[in-house]
Every structure is written in structure tokens, then in C-alpha cells.
C-alpha atoms as a PDB file:
ATOM      1  CA  MET A   1       0.235  -0.083  -0.002  1.00  0.00           C
ATOM      2  CA  ASP A   2       0.720   3.730  -0.673  1.00  0.00           C
ATOM      3  CA  SER A   3       2.479   5.122   2.581  1.00  0.00           C
ATOM      4  CA  ARG A   4       0.372   8.313   1.816  1.00  0.00           C
ATOM      5  CA  LEU A   5      -2.658   6.705   1.107  1.00  0.00           C
ATOM      6  CA  GLN A   6      -2.354   4.408   4.198  1.00  0.00           C
ATOM      7  CA  ARG A   7      -1.227   7.511   6.738  1.00  0.00           C
ATOM      8  CA  ARG A   8      -4.526   9.049   5.229  1.00  0.00           C
ATOM      9  CA  ILE A   9      -6.423   6.189   6.102  1.00  0.00           C
ATOM     10  CA  GLN A  10      -4.826   5.888   9.451  1.00  0.00           C
ATOM     11  CA  ARG A  11      -5.744   9.836  10.028  1.00  0.00           C
ATOM     12  CA  TYR A  12      -9.330   9.538   8.697  1.00  0.00           C
ATOM     13  CA  GLY A  13      -9.622   6.118  10.720  1.00  0.00           C
ATOM     14  CA  TRP A  14      -9.081   7.222  13.793  1.00  0.00           C
ATOM     15  CA  ASP A  15     -10.807  10.771  13.543  1.00  0.00           C
ATOM     16  CA  LEU A  16     -13.617   8.167  13.129  1.00  0.00           C
ATOM     17  CA  ALA A  17     -12.739   6.207  16.367  1.00  0.00           C
ATOM     18  CA  ALA A  18     -11.739   9.005  18.840  1.00  0.00           C
ATOM     19  CA  ALA A  19     -15.361   9.110  20.415  1.00  0.00           C
ATOM     20  CA  ASP A  20     -15.438   5.450  20.934  1.00  0.00           C
ATOM     21  CA  TYR A  21     -11.879   4.827  21.783  1.00  0.00           C
ATOM     22  CA  GLU A  22     -11.318   5.352  25.454  1.00  0.00           C
ATOM     23  CA  ASN A  23     -14.769   3.491  26.209  1.00  0.00           C
ATOM     24  CA  SER A  24     -13.395   0.370  24.408  1.00  0.00           C
ATOM     25  CA  TRP A  25     -10.012   0.444  25.305  1.00  0.00           C
ATOM     26  CA  TYR A  26      -8.893   2.448  28.094  1.00  0.00           C
ATOM     27  CA  ALA A  27      -9.379   0.251  30.947  1.00  0.00           C
ATOM     28  CA  GLN A  28      -8.072  -2.779  28.951  1.00  0.00           C
ATOM     29  CA  LEU A  29      -4.690  -0.903  28.287  1.00  0.00           C
ATOM     30  CA  HIS A  30      -4.242  -0.821  32.164  1.00  0.00           C
ATOM     31  CA  PRO A  31      -1.555  -3.216  32.409  1.00  0.00           C
ATOM     32  CA  LEU A  32       0.241  -1.597  29.125  1.00  0.00           C
ATOM     33  CA  ARG A  33       0.314   1.419  30.906  1.00  0.00           C
ATOM     34  CA  ASP A  34       1.499   0.205  34.235  1.00  0.00           C
ATOM     35  CA  ALA A  35       4.316  -1.664  32.942  1.00  0.00           C
ATOM     36  CA  LEU A  36       5.552   1.676  30.834  1.00  0.00           C
ATOM     37  CA  LEU A  37       5.175   4.029  33.601  1.00  0.00           C
ATOM     38  CA  ALA A  38       7.325   1.985  35.344  1.00  0.00           C
ATOM     39  CA  ALA A  39      10.382   2.501  33.294  1.00  0.00           C
ATOM     40  CA  PRO A  40      12.894   4.269  35.143  1.00  0.00           C
ATOM     41  CA  ALA A  41      13.147   6.829  32.417  1.00  0.00           C
ATOM     42  CA  PHE A  42      10.249   8.754  33.431  1.00  0.00           C
ATOM     43  CA  ASN A  43      12.069  10.278  36.128  1.00  0.00           C
ATOM     44  CA  ILE A  44      11.037  13.633  37.791  1.00  0.00           C
ATOM     45  CA  GLY A  45      11.883  16.759  35.370  1.00  0.00           C
ATOM     46  CA  ALA A  46      11.996  14.618  32.312  1.00  0.00           C
ATOM     47  CA  ARG A  47      10.809  16.152  28.854  1.00  0.00           C
ATOM     48  CA  VAL A  48       8.981  13.699  27.557  1.00  0.00           C
ATOM     49  CA  LEU A  49       7.440  13.481  23.695  1.00  0.00           C
ATOM     50  CA  ASP A  50       4.329  11.119  23.304  1.00  0.00           C
ATOM     51  CA  VAL A  51       4.243   9.935  19.569  1.00  0.00           C
ATOM     52  CA  ALA A  52       0.640   8.687  18.402  1.00  0.00           C
ATOM     53  CA  CYS A  53      -0.927  10.061  22.084  1.00  0.00           C
ATOM     54  CA  GLY A  54      -4.503   9.813  20.958  1.00  0.00           C
ATOM     55  CA  SER A  55      -6.819  11.226  23.530  1.00  0.00           C
ATOM     56  CA  GLY A  56      -4.233  12.093  25.741  1.00  0.00           C
ATOM     57  CA  ARG A  57      -4.982  10.174  28.624  1.00  0.00           C
ATOM     58  CA  PHE A  58      -1.554   8.289  28.782  1.00  0.00           C
ATOM     59  CA  SER A  59      -0.026  11.582  28.310  1.00  0.00           C
ATOM     60  CA  VAL A  60      -1.570  12.886  31.186  1.00  0.00           C
ATOM     61  CA  ASP A  61      -0.512  10.438  33.100  1.00  0.00           C
ATOM     62  CA  VAL A  62       2.825  10.718  32.249  1.00  0.00           C
ATOM     63  CA  ALA A  63       2.511  14.544  33.003  1.00  0.00           C
ATOM     64  CA  SER A  64       1.959  13.485  36.526  1.00  0.00           C
ATOM     65  CA  ALA A  65       4.870  10.852  37.059  1.00  0.00           C
ATOM     66  CA  VAL A  66       7.533  13.654  35.780  1.00  0.00           C
ATOM     67  CA  GLY A  67       5.995  16.654  37.917  1.00  0.00           C
ATOM     68  CA  SER A  68       5.832  20.180  37.381  1.00  0.00           C
ATOM     69  CA  ALA A  69       9.695  20.427  36.292  1.00  0.00           C
ATOM     70  CA  GLY A  70       8.844  17.993  33.808  1.00  0.00           C
ATOM     71  CA  SER A  71       6.807  18.412  30.739  1.00  0.00           C
ATOM     72  CA  VAL A  72       5.073  15.853  27.889  1.00  0.00           C
ATOM     73  CA  THR A  73       4.755  16.920  24.300  1.00  0.00           C
ATOM     74  CA  GLY A  74       1.772  14.877  22.833  1.00  0.00           C
ATOM     75  CA  ILE A  75       1.356  14.269  19.147  1.00  0.00           C
ATOM     76  CA  ASP A  76      -1.269  12.415  17.215  1.00  0.00           C
ATOM     77  CA  ILE A  77      -1.980  12.099  12.960  1.00  0.00           C
ATOM     78  CA  SER A  78      -5.524  12.575  13.897  1.00  0.00           C
ATOM     79  CA  GLU A  79      -7.301  16.051  14.497  1.00  0.00           C
ATOM     80  CA  LYS A  80     -10.194  14.678  16.666  1.00  0.00           C
ATOM     81  CA  MET A  81      -7.948  12.760  18.813  1.00  0.00           C
ATOM     82  CA  VAL A  82      -5.580  15.902  19.659  1.00  0.00           C
ATOM     83  CA  GLU A  83      -8.665  17.880  20.445  1.00  0.00           C
ATOM     84  CA  ASN A  84     -10.125  15.411  22.714  1.00  0.00           C
ATOM     85  CA  ALA A  85      -6.359  15.186  24.806  1.00  0.00           C
ATOM     86  CA  HIS A  86      -6.663  18.923  24.692  1.00  0.00           C
ATOM     87  CA  ASP A  87     -10.271  18.947  26.287  1.00  0.00           C
ATOM     88  CA  TYR A  88      -9.083  16.034  28.910  1.00  0.00           C
ATOM     89  CA  ALA A  89      -5.744  18.126  29.858  1.00  0.00           C
ATOM     90  CA  ARG A  90      -7.780  21.159  30.599  1.00  0.00           C
ATOM     91  CA  ILE A  91     -10.895  19.501  32.756  1.00  0.00           C
ATOM     92  CA  HIS A  92      -8.428  17.959  34.515  1.00  0.00           C
ATOM     93  CA  GLU A  93      -6.021  21.069  35.496  1.00  0.00           C
ATOM     94  CA  VAL A  94      -2.926  19.378  34.045  1.00  0.00           C
ATOM     95  CA  ASP A  95      -0.423  22.539  32.710  1.00  0.00           C
ATOM     96  CA  ASN A  96       2.859  20.911  31.838  1.00  0.00           C
ATOM     97  CA  VAL A  97       1.249  19.014  29.072  1.00  0.00           C
ATOM     98  CA  ARG A  98       0.622  20.201  25.371  1.00  0.00           C
ATOM     99  CA  PHE A  99      -0.922  18.508  22.178  1.00  0.00           C
ATOM    100  CA  THR A 100      -0.414  19.223  18.855  1.00  0.00           C
ATOM    101  CA  ARG A 101      -1.407  17.516  15.627  1.00  0.00           C
ATOM    102  CA  MET A 102       1.729  16.102  13.386  1.00  0.00           C
ATOM    103  CA  ASP A 103       2.762  12.762  11.016  1.00  0.00           C
ATOM    104  CA  ALA A 104       4.925  10.828  13.330  1.00  0.00           C
ATOM    105  CA  GLN A 105       6.955  10.251  10.117  1.00  0.00           C
ATOM    106  CA  LYS A 106       7.837  14.001  10.055  1.00  0.00           C
ATOM    107  CA  LEU A 107       8.599  15.014  13.327  1.00  0.00           C
ATOM    108  CA  ASP A 108       9.057  18.831  13.260  1.00  0.00           C
ATOM    109  CA  PHE A 109      11.074  19.238  16.412  1.00  0.00           C
ATOM    110  CA  GLU A 110      14.717  20.244  17.287  1.00  0.00           C
ATOM    111  CA  PRO A 111      17.698  17.870  17.847  1.00  0.00           C
ATOM    112  CA  ASN A 112      18.305  17.234  21.625  1.00  0.00           C
ATOM    113  CA  THR A 113      14.545  18.248  22.604  1.00  0.00           C
ATOM    114  CA  PHE A 114      13.607  15.453  24.772  1.00  0.00           C
ATOM    115  CA  ASP A 115      14.969  13.056  27.256  1.00  0.00           C
ATOM    116  CA  VAL A 116      11.987  10.285  26.867  1.00  0.00           C
ATOM    117  CA  ILE A 117      10.110   9.647  23.689  1.00  0.00           C
ATOM    118  CA  LEU A 118       7.157   7.422  24.092  1.00  0.00           C
ATOM    119  CA  CYS A 119       5.272   5.607  21.412  1.00  0.00           C
ATOM    120  CA  SER A 120       2.295   3.442  22.770  1.00  0.00           C
ATOM    121  CA  LEU A 121       0.800   1.115  20.274  1.00  0.00           C
ATOM    122  CA  GLY A 122       1.378   3.617  17.385  1.00  0.00           C
ATOM    123  CA  LEU A 123       4.324   2.225  15.523  1.00  0.00           C
ATOM    124  CA  MET A 124       2.088  -0.398  13.956  1.00  0.00           C
ATOM    125  CA  TYR A 125       0.422   1.774  11.959  1.00  0.00           C
ATOM    126  CA  MET A 126       3.101   3.823  10.225  1.00  0.00           C
ATOM    127  CA  PRO A 127       4.637   2.143   7.064  1.00  0.00           C
ATOM    128  CA  ASP A 128       8.370   3.406   7.496  1.00  0.00           C
ATOM    129  CA  VAL A 129       8.809   2.308  10.934  1.00  0.00           C
ATOM    130  CA  THR A 130      12.873   3.028  10.470  1.00  0.00           C
ATOM    131  CA  ALA A 131      12.172   6.720   9.261  1.00  0.00           C
ATOM    132  CA  VAL A 132      10.005   7.359  12.249  1.00  0.00           C
ATOM    133  CA  LEU A 133      12.828   5.816  15.151  1.00  0.00           C
ATOM    134  CA  GLN A 134      15.518   8.001  13.173  1.00  0.00           C
ATOM    135  CA  GLY A 135      13.166  10.785  13.502  1.00  0.00           C
ATOM    136  CA  MET A 136      12.677  10.067  17.407  1.00  0.00           C
ATOM    137  CA  ARG A 137      16.447   9.297  17.478  1.00  0.00           C
ATOM    138  CA  ARG A 138      17.396  13.153  16.138  1.00  0.00           C
ATOM    139  CA  ALA A 139      14.946  14.713  18.525  1.00  0.00           C
ATOM    140  CA  LEU A 140      16.276  12.638  21.646  1.00  0.00           C
ATOM    141  CA  ALA A 141      18.870  14.639  23.998  1.00  0.00           C
ATOM    142  CA  PRO A 142      22.050  13.108  25.127  1.00  0.00           C
ATOM    143  CA  GLY A 143      21.559  10.208  27.592  1.00  0.00           C
ATOM    144  CA  GLY A 144      17.767   9.898  26.523  1.00  0.00           C
ATOM    145  CA  GLN A 145      15.872   6.960  25.966  1.00  0.00           C
ATOM    146  CA  ILE A 146      13.190   5.923  23.533  1.00  0.00           C
ATOM    147  CA  VAL A 147      10.191   3.095  24.825  1.00  0.00           C
ATOM    148  CA  PHE A 148       7.700   1.599  22.732  1.00  0.00           C
ATOM    149  CA  ALA A 149       5.302  -0.912  22.662  1.00  0.00           C
ATOM    150  CA  VAL A 150       3.166  -2.664  20.160  1.00  0.00           C
ATOM    151  CA  TRP A 151       0.794  -5.654  19.853  1.00  0.00           C
ATOM    152  CA  GLY A 152       2.705  -8.931  19.696  1.00  0.00           C
ATOM    153  CA  ARG A 153       2.318 -12.271  17.603  1.00  0.00           C
ATOM    154  CA  ARG A 154      -0.993 -12.614  15.959  1.00  0.00           C
ATOM    155  CA  GLU A 155      -1.413 -15.975  17.149  1.00  0.00           C
ATOM    156  CA  ALA A 156      -1.246 -14.808  20.739  1.00  0.00           C
ATOM    157  CA  CYS A 157      -4.092 -11.893  20.140  1.00  0.00           C
ATOM    158  CA  GLY A 158      -7.320 -13.342  20.424  1.00  0.00           C
ATOM    159  CA  TRP A 159      -8.969 -10.424  18.479  1.00  0.00           C
ATOM    160  CA  ALA A 160      -6.885 -10.634  15.530  1.00  0.00           C
ATOM    161  CA  GLY A 161      -9.398 -12.568  13.458  1.00  0.00           C
ATOM    162  CA  ILE A 162     -11.403  -8.838  12.846  1.00  0.00           C
ATOM    163  CA  PHE A 163      -8.702  -8.065  10.090  1.00  0.00           C
ATOM    164  CA  GLU A 164      -8.977 -11.102   8.092  1.00  0.00           C
ATOM    165  CA  ILE A 165     -12.591 -10.682   8.263  1.00  0.00           C
ATOM    166  CA  ILE A 166     -12.917  -6.710   7.365  1.00  0.00           C
ATOM    167  CA  GLN A 167     -10.298  -7.177   4.510  1.00  0.00           C
ATOM    168  CA  ALA A 168     -12.691  -9.578   2.906  1.00  0.00           C
ATOM    169  CA  GLU A 169     -15.355  -7.185   2.583  1.00  0.00           C
ATOM    170  CA  VAL A 170     -12.775  -4.708   1.261  1.00  0.00           C
ATOM    171  CA  LYS A 171     -10.673  -6.591  -0.889  1.00  0.00           C
ATOM    172  CA  SER A 172      -7.552  -4.971   0.621  1.00  0.00           C
ATOM    173  CA  GLN A 173      -5.405  -5.012   3.620  1.00  0.00           C
ATOM    174  CA  VAL A 174      -6.639  -2.763   6.241  1.00  0.00           C
ATOM    175  CA  CYS A 175      -3.429  -2.166   8.259  1.00  0.00           C
ATOM    176  CA  PRO A 176      -0.682  -4.323   6.423  1.00  0.00           C
ATOM    177  CA  THR A 177       1.980  -3.719   8.950  1.00  0.00           C
ATOM    178  CA  PHE A 178      -0.111  -3.884  12.321  1.00  0.00           C
ATOM    179  CA  PHE A 179       1.565  -7.422  13.932  1.00  0.00           C
ATOM    180  CA  GLN A 180       5.106  -7.319  11.980  1.00  0.00           C
ATOM    181  CA  LEU A 181       6.698  -5.929  15.250  1.00  0.00           C
ATOM    182  CA  GLY A 182       5.120  -8.241  17.418  1.00  0.00           C
ATOM    183  CA  ARG A 183       7.165 -11.213  15.515  1.00  0.00           C
ATOM    184  CA  MET A 184      10.292 -12.966  17.874  1.00  0.00           C
ATOM    185  CA  ASN A 185      13.281 -10.262  17.109  1.00  0.00           C
ATOM    186  CA  ALA A 186      11.486  -7.887  14.842  1.00  0.00           C
ATOM    187  CA  ALA A 187      11.340  -5.079  17.451  1.00  0.00           C
ATOM    188  CA  ALA A 188      14.929  -5.394  18.491  1.00  0.00           C
ATOM    189  CA  GLU A 189      15.643  -5.615  14.506  1.00  0.00           C
ATOM    190  CA  ALA A 190      13.900  -2.539  13.864  1.00  0.00           C
ATOM    191  CA  CYS A 191      15.926  -0.940  16.551  1.00  0.00           C
ATOM    192  CA  SER A 192      19.050  -2.102  14.945  1.00  0.00           C
ATOM    193  CA  LEU A 193      17.903  -0.505  11.233  1.00  0.00           C
ATOM    194  CA  ALA A 194      17.848   3.046  13.230  1.00  0.00           C
ATOM    195  CA  SER A 195      20.945   3.014  14.872  1.00  0.00           C
ATOM    196  CA  LEU A 196      19.399   2.327  18.117  1.00  0.00           C
ATOM    197  CA  ARG A 197      20.416  -0.456  20.388  1.00  0.00           C
ATOM    198  CA  PRO A 198      17.493  -2.030  22.503  1.00  0.00           C
ATOM    199  CA  VAL A 199      18.452  -2.075  26.274  1.00  0.00           C
ATOM    200  CA  SER A 200      15.383  -4.197  27.313  1.00  0.00           C
ATOM    201  CA  VAL A 201      12.777  -5.902  25.341  1.00  0.00           C
ATOM    202  CA  SER A 202       9.774  -7.727  27.426  1.00  0.00           C
ATOM    203  CA  ARG A 203       6.563  -9.548  26.697  1.00  0.00           C
ATOM    204  CA  LEU A 204       3.372  -9.051  28.438  1.00  0.00           C
ATOM    205  CA  ALA A 205       0.753 -11.530  28.138  1.00  0.00           C
ATOM    206  CA  THR A 206      -2.684 -10.100  29.147  1.00  0.00           C
ATOM    207  CA  VAL A 207      -6.268 -10.624  28.947  1.00  0.00           C
ATOM    208  CA  LEU A 208      -9.374  -8.036  27.212  1.00  0.00           C
ATOM    209  CA  ARG A 209     -12.776  -8.536  28.842  1.00  0.00           C
ATOM    210  CA  TYR A 210     -15.702  -7.881  27.226  1.00  0.00           C
ATOM    211  CA  ALA A 211     -18.836  -7.833  29.380  1.00  0.00           C
ATOM    212  CA  ASP A 212     -20.812  -8.853  26.091  1.00  0.00           C
ATOM    213  CA  ASP A 213     -21.490  -9.479  22.314  1.00  0.00           C
ATOM    214  CA  ALA A 214     -22.008  -5.800  21.473  1.00  0.00           C
ATOM    215  CA  ALA A 215     -18.878  -4.827  23.814  1.00  0.00           C
ATOM    216  CA  ALA A 216     -16.537  -6.950  22.189  1.00  0.00           C
ATOM    217  CA  CYS A 217     -17.445  -5.772  18.581  1.00  0.00           C
ATOM    218  CA  ASP A 218     -17.884  -2.183  19.492  1.00  0.00           C
ATOM    219  CA  ALA A 219     -13.873  -2.800  20.519  1.00  0.00           C
ATOM    220  CA  ALA A 220     -13.119  -3.782  17.101  1.00  0.00           C
ATOM    221  CA  THR A 221     -15.139  -2.054  14.844  1.00  0.00           C
ATOM    222  CA  LEU A 222     -15.702   1.551  16.551  1.00  0.00           C
ATOM    223  CA  GLY A 223     -12.590   2.015  18.422  1.00  0.00           C
ATOM    224  CA  GLY A 224      -9.934   0.360  16.210  1.00  0.00           C
ATOM    225  CA  PRO A 225      -7.853   0.547  13.128  1.00  0.00           C
ATOM    226  CA  VAL A 226     -10.565  -0.714  11.023  1.00  0.00           C
ATOM    227  CA  ALA A 227     -13.343   2.100  12.264  1.00  0.00           C
ATOM    228  CA  LEU A 228     -12.699   3.627   8.140  1.00  0.00           C
ATOM    229  CA  ALA A 229     -13.836   0.418   6.840  1.00  0.00           C
ATOM    230  CA  TRP A 230     -16.655  -0.021   9.046  1.00  0.00           C
ATOM    231  CA  SER A 231     -18.269   3.348   8.728  1.00  0.00           C
ATOM    232  CA  ARG A 232     -18.610   2.469   5.161  1.00  0.00           C
ATOM    233  CA  PHE A 233     -20.272  -0.914   5.513  1.00  0.00           C
ATOM    234  CA  ASP A 234     -24.402  -1.271   5.576  1.00  0.00           C
ATOM    235  CA  GLY A 235     -26.537  -3.420   7.865  1.00  0.00           C
ATOM    236  CA  THR A 236     -26.211  -6.360   6.181  1.00  0.00           C
ATOM    237  CA  THR A 237     -22.210  -6.210   5.674  1.00  0.00           C
ATOM    238  CA  ARG A 238     -22.451  -4.882   9.700  1.00  0.00           C
ATOM    239  CA  ALA A 239     -24.270  -7.825  10.714  1.00  0.00           C
ATOM    240  CA  ARG A 240     -21.964 -10.566   8.525  1.00  0.00           C
ATOM    241  CA  VAL A 241     -19.038  -9.105   9.722  1.00  0.00           C
ATOM    242  CA  LYS A 242     -20.336  -9.266  13.433  1.00  0.00           C
ATOM    243  CA  ALA A 243     -21.447 -13.007  13.542  1.00  0.00           C
ATOM    244  CA  GLN A 244     -18.018 -13.454  11.513  1.00  0.00           C
ATOM    245  CA  TYR A 245     -16.047 -11.898  14.239  1.00  0.00           C
ATOM    246  CA  LEU A 246     -18.051 -13.285  17.114  1.00  0.00           C
ATOM    247  CA  ASP A 247     -17.414 -16.725  15.917  1.00  0.00           C
ATOM    248  CA  THR A 248     -13.748 -16.140  16.287  1.00  0.00           C
ATOM    249  CA  LEU A 249     -13.998 -15.556  19.889  1.00  0.00           C
ATOM    250  CA  LYS A 250     -15.512 -18.300  20.881  1.00  0.00           C
ATOM    251  CA  PRO A 251     -13.162 -20.478  22.248  1.00  0.00           C
ATOM    252  CA  TRP A 252     -12.939 -17.210  24.972  1.00  0.00           C
ATOM    253  CA  ARG A 253     -16.477 -17.046  26.060  1.00  0.00           C
ATOM    254  CA  SER A 254     -17.669 -17.139  29.283  1.00  0.00           C
ATOM    255  CA  ALA A 255     -20.380 -17.114  31.256  1.00  0.00           C
ATOM    256  CA  ASN A 256     -19.461 -13.560  32.257  1.00  0.00           C
ATOM    257  CA  GLY A 257     -18.756 -12.630  28.603  1.00  0.00           C
ATOM    258  CA  TYR A 258     -15.386 -12.888  26.856  1.00  0.00           C
ATOM    259  CA  LEU A 259     -11.793 -13.411  28.070  1.00  0.00           C
ATOM    260  CA  VAL A 260      -9.742 -12.790  25.036  1.00  0.00           C
ATOM    261  CA  PRO A 261      -5.977 -13.268  25.224  1.00  0.00           C
ATOM    262  CA  ALA A 262      -3.907 -10.270  24.201  1.00  0.00           C
ATOM    263  CA  GLU A 263       0.122  -9.844  24.069  1.00  0.00           C
ATOM    264  CA  PHE A 264       2.304  -6.505  24.171  1.00  0.00           C
ATOM    265  CA  VAL A 265       6.032  -5.848  23.139  1.00  0.00           C
ATOM    266  CA  ILE A 266       7.665  -3.222  25.356  1.00  0.00           C
ATOM    267  CA  VAL A 267      11.200  -2.153  24.411  1.00  0.00           C
ATOM    268  CA  SER A 268      13.512   0.656  25.795  1.00  0.00           C
ATOM    269  CA  ALA A 269      16.271   1.738  23.378  1.00  0.00           C
ATOM    270  CA  ILE A 270      18.740   3.998  23.419  1.00  0.00           C
ATOM    271  CA  PRO A 271      21.369   5.836  20.353  1.00  0.00           C
END
């Protein structure tokens, strides 16, 4: 897929997903956020860049971790996500964080600007990961660190079937790079290609909990990377997609809804 087209799909897809993303995913991602915040890089006074910050909830958490002596700059390709982030920070009266719309493949910062560059579940969507990591490295101050997380192996993520189902309807790959960095050694190899040295690579197994069919389907179609394709489906197509997707989730159906396995890869790297 053409790089510019892929970025446009992500931009407008996440604009559509912005209204539903937090309801579907904020609580589900708490184990990952706790693991990322435990990184020693987020110390008091650190200057942090949050790439693909989404609705800004995690940026605000990081702003609290680095304290008033530190700062957080959040960027995202989605205008709607950035608007939501502004609103969230204002409502919670957090004044050491700011947000702006920016394409991660065209980072517009002076060298040596940030002590930590964070990217939580964003690199999977970027067609040129090497260019993004190189841009991060240029913006990093001496002694700084890049911390990123991606979804893990496709076979370890029970909800992954949604991609094939959606792709069968649109006859093209919705997000062709989504699980590439989750493969064994792939994240470390990506760092090496960008002249970065991974100092820590770990896998975090977790469980996504959905109360019922509607919650499971909404998370996959409204608040995720297939939102743009979903917005163009008619009622018949949506019903077919939901039925097929729920069929893939049957192994994890329980008396209380769904307990779906998932996996993340967490990486810390330095120049």
C-alpha cells in the first residue's frame, strides 16, 4: 500500500474512532500503561514526547509522573484525537502537557529536545518504522531513551481475526503492518536498522475483558484501526462481519462475557 494513502487511512480512521476509543480500550490497556510507567526513564523533570498520543489520557499520566519540573508534548495524526486530548488535559487542570497534530514520519522538533520519547501502540500503523525511529533518535537529548510498545504476535492476540474479516469485505489490507513488530526479534531488529540499541525487550501477556457481544464488537470496529472501513458498511455487511467475528471469539466465551488473550511487546532503546 502507498505510504501516503496508508497514513491518510489512519488519520481519518482514527478521527472516526476518537469518540469511542476510550470507552472500548482505556481500561483494557491499564496493564500496559502500568508497565510503561514503571520504566525508570520517566523520572522527575524529564522532557517527554508522546508519539501517537491518541486522546491524551496516558500523556496526562506521564505528566504526573515527571512532575511540574518536567513536561510532556503529545502528537497524533488524528485531529479529533488531539482535540480530545486538549479537552482532557484542560478538564483535569494539567498544565505541563501540550498537544499538537503531527505526522510521526515527519517529526518537526529540534535535535536534543526530549529526554524520553514514548510511543504506545502507535508504531504498528506507520508504514516506514525505520524513518520514524530515526526521527525520534534525532529529537532525543544525550543520555535519552526511546520507549515503545506494540501488539505482540498475531497468534497470541485472540481478537486478531477481525482483520481478515474486514479485509474480505473491502478486498484490500486494512493495516498490513499491524503485527509485524510483534514477531520474535522484529522490534529489536527495527531498532538496529534505526541505529538504536535495545536495552530492554519484554513481552506482556494480558486478557481483554468484554461483558457481552456488543462490547467485543464495538472495541474491534468502532474504536480500532478498522473504523474507517466499518463506517462505510451497510447494515447487512455489518451484521455479517459481527457474526463472523463473534465466531472467532467463541474459544474465549465465558459465563461473564469474553476473556480474550492478548500480548504486547515493550522496548526501551538508546542511540
